[in-house]
Amino acid sequence: PILQHPSAIISPSAQIGSGTLIVAGSIVNADAHIGAGVILNTASSVDHDCTLGDFVHISPGARLAGNVRVGARSWIGIGAVIREGVTIGEDALIAAGAVVIDDVADGQCVMGIPASVSR
C-alpha cells in the first residue's frame, strides 16, 4: 500500500508507486512520478513533472523544483534544494543543506552551496 499522512498534499495527477511513505506536511505536485518504496519525509516538496526512482529517500524539508529527475536508491539530505531541470543519478547522496544547481552523476556525493563533489 501507499502510506500517506492526512496532512500531505498530493496532486490528483501524480503517480505514486507501491510501498511509498508520504509523511506529514509533504507536497507532491502535478504530474510527478514517484517510484516504489520511496520515502517523502516531513515537509518535503516534490514539484511538477519530477521523477523519483525506486527506493529514493527525500529527507525532511528538502525541496525539489520542477522537472527534477532522481535515480533509484538516491538520498536527498535534510533541507537540500534541487534546482529545476537537474538530474541526479542512481545511488547518489546529496548532503544536508546542499543547493544543487548542476546534474549529479551515478554514485556521487555532493555538498555545499552551490553543491560540489565531495572528496
Foldseek 3Di string as FASTA:
>chain_A
DEAADPQEAEDPQEAAEALEYHEHQEYEEHNEYHYHNEYHDANEYHYHQEYEYHNEYEYHQEYEYANEYEEAPEYEAANEYEDHPEYEYDCEYEYHNEYEDHHHYHNFYWYDVPTDTDD
